[in-house]
All heavy atoms as atom14 arrays in JSON, in Angstrom:
{
  "sequence": "MASGSNPGDGMVVVPCTMGALAAIANGMSEN",
  "atom14_mask": [
    [1, 1, 1, 1, 1, 1, 1, 1, 0, 0, 0, 0, 0, 0],
    [1, 1, 1, 1, 1, 0, 0, 0, 0, 0, 0, 0, 0, 0],
    [1, 1, 1, 1, 1, 1, 0, 0, 0, 0, 0, 0, 0, 0],
    [1, 1, 1, 1, 0, 0, 0, 0, 0, 0, 0, 0, 0, 0],
    [1, 1, 1, 1, 1, 1, 0, 0, 0, 0, 0, 0, 0, 0],
    [1, 1, 1, 1, 1, 1, 1, 1, 0, 0, 0, 0, 0, 0],
    [1, 1, 1, 1, 1, 1, 1, 0, 0, 0, 0, 0, 0, 0],
    [1, 1, 1, 1, 0, 0, 0, 0, 0, 0, 0, 0, 0, 0],
    [1, 1, 1, 1, 1, 1, 1, 1, 0, 0, 0, 0, 0, 0],
    [1, 1, 1, 1, 0, 0, 0, 0, 0, 0, 0, 0, 0, 0],
    [1, 1, 1, 1, 1, 1, 1, 1, 0, 0, 0, 0, 0, 0],
    [1, 1, 1, 1, 1, 1, 1, 0, 0, 0, 0, 0, 0, 0],
    [1, 1, 1, 1, 1, 1, 1, 0, 0, 0, 0, 0, 0, 0],
    [1, 1, 1, 1, 1, 1, 1, 0, 0, 0, 0, 0, 0, 0],
    [1, 1, 1, 1, 1, 1, 1, 0, 0, 0, 0, 0, 0, 0],
    [1, 1, 1, 1, 1, 1, 0, 0, 0, 0, 0, 0, 0, 0],
    [1, 1, 1, 1, 1, 1, 1, 0, 0, 0, 0, 0, 0, 0],
    [1, 1, 1, 1, 1, 1, 1, 1, 0, 0, 0, 0, 0, 0],
    [1, 1, 1, 1, 0, 0, 0, 0, 0, 0, 0, 0, 0, 0],
    [1, 1, 1, 1, 1, 0, 0, 0, 0, 0, 0, 0, 0, 0],
    [1, 1, 1, 1, 1, 1, 1, 1, 0, 0, 0, 0, 0, 0],
    [1, 1, 1, 1, 1, 0, 0, 0, 0, 0, 0, 0, 0, 0],
    [1, 1, 1, 1, 1, 0, 0, 0, 0, 0, 0, 0, 0, 0],
    [1, 1, 1, 1, 1, 1, 1, 1, 0, 0, 0, 0, 0, 0],
    [1, 1, 1, 1, 1, 0, 0, 0, 0, 0, 0, 0, 0, 0],
    [1, 1, 1, 1, 1, 1, 1, 1, 0, 0, 0, 0, 0, 0],
    [1, 1, 1, 1, 0, 0, 0, 0, 0, 0, 0, 0, 0, 0],
    [1, 1, 1, 1, 1, 1, 1, 1, 0, 0, 0, 0, 0, 0],
    [1, 1, 1, 1, 1, 1, 0, 0, 0, 0, 0, 0, 0, 0],
    [1, 1, 1, 1, 1, 1, 1, 1, 1, 0, 0, 0, 0, 0],
    [1, 1, 1, 1, 1, 1, 1, 1, 0, 0, 0, 0, 0, 0]
  ],
  "atom14_positions": [
    [[-4.67, -3.67, 9.07], [-4.48, -3.83, 7.64], [-3.05, -4.19, 7.25], [-2.72, -4.37, 6.08], [-4.9, -2.56, 6.89], [-4.12, -1.32, 7.21], [-4.65, -0.55, 8.76], [-3.98, 1.1, 8.55], [0.0, 0.0, 0.0], [0.0, 0.0, 0.0], [0.0, 0.0, 0.0], [0.0, 0.0, 0.0], [0.0, 0.0, 0.0], [0.0, 0.0, 0.0]],
    [[-2.17, -4.38, 8.28], [-0.81, -4.8, 8.02], [-0.69, -6.31, 7.81], [0.38, -6.81, 7.5], [0.1, -4.37, 9.17], [0.0, 0.0, 0.0], [0.0, 0.0, 0.0], [0.0, 0.0, 0.0], [0.0, 0.0, 0.0], [0.0, 0.0, 0.0], [0.0, 0.0, 0.0], [0.0, 0.0, 0.0], [0.0, 0.0, 0.0], [0.0, 0.0, 0.0]],
    [[-1.79, -7.03, 7.99], [-1.75, -8.48, 7.87], [-2.86, -9.0, 6.98], [-3.99, -8.49, 7.0], [-1.89, -9.13, 9.28], [-2.03, -10.53, 9.17], [0.0, 0.0, 0.0], [0.0, 0.0, 0.0], [0.0, 0.0, 0.0], [0.0, 0.0, 0.0], [0.0, 0.0, 0.0], [0.0, 0.0, 0.0], [0.0, 0.0, 0.0], [0.0, 0.0, 0.0]],
    [[-2.56, -10.03, 6.23], [-3.56, -10.68, 5.4], [-4.62, -11.39, 6.19], [-5.68, -11.73, 5.64], [0.0, 0.0, 0.0], [0.0, 0.0, 0.0], [0.0, 0.0, 0.0], [0.0, 0.0, 0.0], [0.0, 0.0, 0.0], [0.0, 0.0, 0.0], [0.0, 0.0, 0.0], [0.0, 0.0, 0.0], [0.0, 0.0, 0.0], [0.0, 0.0, 0.0]],
    [[-4.41, -11.56, 7.49], [-5.45, -12.18, 8.31], [-6.56, -11.19, 8.67], [-7.6, -11.58, 9.18], [-4.85, -12.78, 9.59], [-4.37, -11.73, 10.44], [0.0, 0.0, 0.0], [0.0, 0.0, 0.0], [0.0, 0.0, 0.0], [0.0, 0.0, 0.0], [0.0, 0.0, 0.0], [0.0, 0.0, 0.0], [0.0, 0.0, 0.0], [0.0, 0.0, 0.0]],
    [[-6.33, -9.88, 8.42], [-7.34, -8.87, 8.72], [-7.2, -7.7, 7.76], [-7.0, -6.55, 8.17], [-7.18, -8.39, 10.17], [-8.39, -7.61, 10.65], [-9.43, -7.56, 9.99], [-8.27, -6.98, 11.8], [0.0, 0.0, 0.0], [0.0, 0.0, 0.0], [0.0, 0.0, 0.0], [0.0, 0.0, 0.0], [0.0, 0.0, 0.0], [0.0, 0.0, 0.0]],
    [[-7.29, -7.96, 6.45], [-6.93, -6.92, 5.48], [-7.97, -5.84, 5.23], [-7.67, -4.78, 4.72], [-6.74, -7.74, 4.2], [-7.7, -8.9, 4.35], [-7.67, -9.22, 5.8], [0.0, 0.0, 0.0], [0.0, 0.0, 0.0], [0.0, 0.0, 0.0], [0.0, 0.0, 0.0], [0.0, 0.0, 0.0], [0.0, 0.0, 0.0], [0.0, 0.0, 0.0]],
    [[-9.22, -6.1, 5.6], [-10.27, -5.16, 5.24], [-10.72, -5.39, 3.8], [-10.24, -6.32, 3.12], [0.0, 0.0, 0.0], [0.0, 0.0, 0.0], [0.0, 0.0, 0.0], [0.0, 0.0, 0.0], [0.0, 0.0, 0.0], [0.0, 0.0, 0.0], [0.0, 0.0, 0.0], [0.0, 0.0, 0.0], [0.0, 0.0, 0.0], [0.0, 0.0, 0.0]],
    [[-11.6, -4.55, 3.34], [-12.23, -4.77, 2.02], [-11.53, -4.05, 0.89], [-11.73, -4.39, -0.27], [-13.69, -4.3, 2.1], [-14.5, -5.09, 3.11], [-14.61, -6.31, 2.92], [-14.96, -4.5, 4.1], [0.0, 0.0, 0.0], [0.0, 0.0, 0.0], [0.0, 0.0, 0.0], [0.0, 0.0, 0.0], [0.0, 0.0, 0.0], [0.0, 0.0, 0.0]],
    [[-10.75, -3.03, 1.19], [-10.09, -2.29, 0.12], [-9.28, -1.15, 0.67], [-9.32, -0.84, 1.86], [0.0, 0.0, 0.0], [0.0, 0.0, 0.0], [0.0, 0.0, 0.0], [0.0, 0.0, 0.0], [0.0, 0.0, 0.0], [0.0, 0.0, 0.0], [0.0, 0.0, 0.0], [0.0, 0.0, 0.0], [0.0, 0.0, 0.0], [0.0, 0.0, 0.0]],
    [[-8.56, -0.5, -0.26], [-7.66, 0.61, 0.12], [-7.6, 1.59, -1.04], [-7.58, 1.19, -2.21], [-6.29, 0.08, 0.44], [-5.25, 1.15, 0.78], [-3.66, 0.39, 1.26], [-2.69, 1.85, 1.58], [0.0, 0.0, 0.0], [0.0, 0.0, 0.0], [0.0, 0.0, 0.0], [0.0, 0.0, 0.0], [0.0, 0.0, 0.0], [0.0, 0.0, 0.0]],
    [[-7.54, 2.87, -0.69], [-7.35, 3.91, -1.7], [-6.23, 4.85, -1.21], [-6.23, 5.25, -0.04], [-8.65, 4.68, -1.99], [-9.27, 5.27, -0.75], [-8.4, 5.76, -3.03], [0.0, 0.0, 0.0], [0.0, 0.0, 0.0], [0.0, 0.0, 0.0], [0.0, 0.0, 0.0], [0.0, 0.0, 0.0], [0.0, 0.0, 0.0], [0.0, 0.0, 0.0]],
    [[-5.28, 5.1, -2.09], [-4.21, 6.07, -1.8], [-4.52, 7.29, -2.63], [-4.41, 7.29, -3.85], [-2.84, 5.49, -2.16], [-1.73, 6.48, -1.76], [-2.6, 4.16, -1.49], [0.0, 0.0, 0.0], [0.0, 0.0, 0.0], [0.0, 0.0, 0.0], [0.0, 0.0, 0.0], [0.0, 0.0, 0.0], [0.0, 0.0, 0.0], [0.0, 0.0, 0.0]],
    [[-4.92, 8.37, -1.91], [-5.44, 9.56, -2.6], [-5.09, 10.82, -1.82], [-5.57, 11.0, -0.7], [-6.95, 9.46, -2.84], [-7.75, 9.18, -1.57], [-7.5, 10.73, -3.5], [0.0, 0.0, 0.0], [0.0, 0.0, 0.0], [0.0, 0.0, 0.0], [0.0, 0.0, 0.0], [0.0, 0.0, 0.0], [0.0, 0.0, 0.0], [0.0, 0.0, 0.0]],
    [[-4.22, 11.68, -2.35], [-3.48, 11.51, -3.61], [-2.28, 10.58, -3.4], [-1.85, 10.36, -2.28], [-3.04, 12.93, -3.92], [-2.87, 13.57, -2.56], [-3.95, 12.99, -1.72], [0.0, 0.0, 0.0], [0.0, 0.0, 0.0], [0.0, 0.0, 0.0], [0.0, 0.0, 0.0], [0.0, 0.0, 0.0], [0.0, 0.0, 0.0], [0.0, 0.0, 0.0]],
    [[-1.75, 10.09, -4.52], [-0.64, 9.12, -4.46], [0.57, 9.7, -5.15], [0.51, 10.05, -6.34], [-1.07, 7.82, -5.13], [0.17, 6.51, -5.04], [0.0, 0.0, 0.0], [0.0, 0.0, 0.0], [0.0, 0.0, 0.0], [0.0, 0.0, 0.0], [0.0, 0.0, 0.0], [0.0, 0.0, 0.0], [0.0, 0.0, 0.0], [0.0, 0.0, 0.0]],
    [[1.68, 9.82, -4.41], [2.93, 10.29, -5.02], [3.53, 9.2, -5.91], [3.2, 8.02, -5.78], [3.96, 10.64, -3.95], [4.28, 9.45, -3.2], [3.47, 11.73, -3.02], [0.0, 0.0, 0.0], [0.0, 0.0, 0.0], [0.0, 0.0, 0.0], [0.0, 0.0, 0.0], [0.0, 0.0, 0.0], [0.0, 0.0, 0.0], [0.0, 0.0, 0.0]],
    [[4.4, 9.62, -6.79], [5.12, 8.64, -7.63], [6.03, 7.79, -6.77], [6.28, 6.62, -7.09], [5.89, 9.35, -8.72], [5.03, 10.04, -9.76], [3.92, 8.9, -10.65], [2.38, 9.26, -9.81], [0.0, 0.0, 0.0], [0.0, 0.0, 0.0], [0.0, 0.0, 0.0], [0.0, 0.0, 0.0], [0.0, 0.0, 0.0], [0.0, 0.0, 0.0]],
    [[6.55, 8.34, -5.67], [7.38, 7.56, -4.77], [6.61, 6.43, -4.12], [7.08, 5.29, -4.05], [0.0, 0.0, 0.0], [0.0, 0.0, 0.0], [0.0, 0.0, 0.0], [0.0, 0.0, 0.0], [0.0, 0.0, 0.0], [0.0, 0.0, 0.0], [0.0, 0.0, 0.0], [0.0, 0.0, 0.0], [0.0, 0.0, 0.0], [0.0, 0.0, 0.0]],
    [[5.41, 6.74, -3.6], [4.59, 5.71, -2.97], [4.15, 4.69, -4.0], [4.16, 3.47, -3.73], [3.37, 6.36, -2.32], [0.0, 0.0, 0.0], [0.0, 0.0, 0.0], [0.0, 0.0, 0.0], [0.0, 0.0, 0.0], [0.0, 0.0, 0.0], [0.0, 0.0, 0.0], [0.0, 0.0, 0.0], [0.0, 0.0, 0.0], [0.0, 0.0, 0.0]],
    [[3.8, 5.14, -5.21], [3.38, 4.22, -6.25], [4.52, 3.27, -6.62], [4.32, 2.05, -6.76], [2.94, 5.02, -7.48], [2.26, 4.24, -8.6], [1.13, 5.07, -9.22], [3.26, 3.84, -9.68], [0.0, 0.0, 0.0], [0.0, 0.0, 0.0], [0.0, 0.0, 0.0], [0.0, 0.0, 0.0], [0.0, 0.0, 0.0], [0.0, 0.0, 0.0]],
    [[5.74, 3.8, -6.74], [6.9, 2.96, -7.07], [7.18, 1.94, -5.96], [7.48, 0.77, -6.23], [8.14, 3.83, -7.31], [0.0, 0.0, 0.0], [0.0, 0.0, 0.0], [0.0, 0.0, 0.0], [0.0, 0.0, 0.0], [0.0, 0.0, 0.0], [0.0, 0.0, 0.0], [0.0, 0.0, 0.0], [0.0, 0.0, 0.0], [0.0, 0.0, 0.0]],
    [[7.07, 2.38, -4.7], [7.33, 1.47, -3.58], [6.3, 0.35, -3.55], [6.64, -0.82, -3.31], [7.28, 2.26, -2.27], [0.0, 0.0, 0.0], [0.0, 0.0, 0.0], [0.0, 0.0, 0.0], [0.0, 0.0, 0.0], [0.0, 0.0, 0.0], [0.0, 0.0, 0.0], [0.0, 0.0, 0.0], [0.0, 0.0, 0.0], [0.0, 0.0, 0.0]],
    [[5.06, 0.67, -3.81], [4.0, -0.36, -3.86], [4.23, -1.3, -5.03], [4.1, -2.52, -4.88], [2.61, 0.32, -3.95], [2.31, 1.13, -2.69], [1.52, -0.73, -4.18], [1.12, 2.07, -2.81], [0.0, 0.0, 0.0], [0.0, 0.0, 0.0], [0.0, 0.0, 0.0], [0.0, 0.0, 0.0], [0.0, 0.0, 0.0], [0.0, 0.0, 0.0]],
    [[4.58, -0.76, -6.17], [4.79, -1.59, -7.37], [5.92, -2.58, -7.17], [5.91, -3.68, -7.76], [5.1, -0.7, -8.57], [0.0, 0.0, 0.0], [0.0, 0.0, 0.0], [0.0, 0.0, 0.0], [0.0, 0.0, 0.0], [0.0, 0.0, 0.0], [0.0, 0.0, 0.0], [0.0, 0.0, 0.0], [0.0, 0.0, 0.0], [0.0, 0.0, 0.0]],
    [[6.88, -2.23, -6.32], [8.05, -3.09, -6.11], [8.04, -3.8, -4.77], [9.06, -4.37, -4.37], [9.33, -2.28, -6.29], [9.52, -1.88, -7.74], [9.95, -2.68, -8.55], [9.18, -0.64, -8.09], [0.0, 0.0, 0.0], [0.0, 0.0, 0.0], [0.0, 0.0, 0.0], [0.0, 0.0, 0.0], [0.0, 0.0, 0.0], [0.0, 0.0, 0.0]],
    [[6.89, -3.79, -4.08], [6.72, -4.57, -2.86], [7.66, -4.18, -1.72], [8.1, -5.03, -0.94], [0.0, 0.0, 0.0], [0.0, 0.0, 0.0], [0.0, 0.0, 0.0], [0.0, 0.0, 0.0], [0.0, 0.0, 0.0], [0.0, 0.0, 0.0], [0.0, 0.0, 0.0], [0.0, 0.0, 0.0], [0.0, 0.0, 0.0], [0.0, 0.0, 0.0]],
    [[7.95, -2.89, -1.59], [8.92, -2.47, -0.58], [8.46, -2.72, 0.85], [9.23, -3.2, 1.67], [9.22, -0.97, -0.76], [9.8, -0.62, -2.13], [11.3, -1.54, -2.52], [12.47, -0.79, -1.38], [0.0, 0.0, 0.0], [0.0, 0.0, 0.0], [0.0, 0.0, 0.0], [0.0, 0.0, 0.0], [0.0, 0.0, 0.0], [0.0, 0.0, 0.0]],
    [[7.22, -2.38, 1.19], [6.64, -2.65, 2.5], [7.5, -2.13, 3.64], [7.68, -2.81, 4.66], [6.39, -4.16, 2.67], [5.38, -4.6, 1.78], [0.0, 0.0, 0.0], [0.0, 0.0, 0.0], [0.0, 0.0, 0.0], [0.0, 0.0, 0.0], [0.0, 0.0, 0.0], [0.0, 0.0, 0.0], [0.0, 0.0, 0.0], [0.0, 0.0, 0.0]],
    [[8.05, -0.93, 3.49], [8.9, -0.35, 4.51], [8.15, 0.5, 5.53], [8.75, 0.95, 6.51], [10.01, 0.49, 3.86], [11.02, -0.36, 3.08], [12.16, 0.44, 2.52], [12.06, 1.69, 2.5], [13.17, -0.18, 2.09], [0.0, 0.0, 0.0], [0.0, 0.0, 0.0], [0.0, 0.0, 0.0], [0.0, 0.0, 0.0], [0.0, 0.0, 0.0]],
    [[6.87, 0.73, 5.29], [6.04, 1.42, 6.28], [4.63, 0.88, 6.17], [4.34, 0.01, 5.32], [6.09, 2.95, 6.07], [5.7, 3.35, 4.64], [4.65, 2.92, 4.13], [6.52, 4.18, 4.0], [0.0, 0.0, 0.0], [0.0, 0.0, 0.0], [0.0, 0.0, 0.0], [0.0, 0.0, 0.0], [0.0, 0.0, 0.0], [0.0, 0.0, 0.0]]
  ]
}
């Protein structure tokens, strides 16, 4: 799921911290 060539059908972050949400919103991609 780290590549668009094999992304899978979907993803759920549950529960989601505000830190993870902020990183996703800003395209950090550090992990």
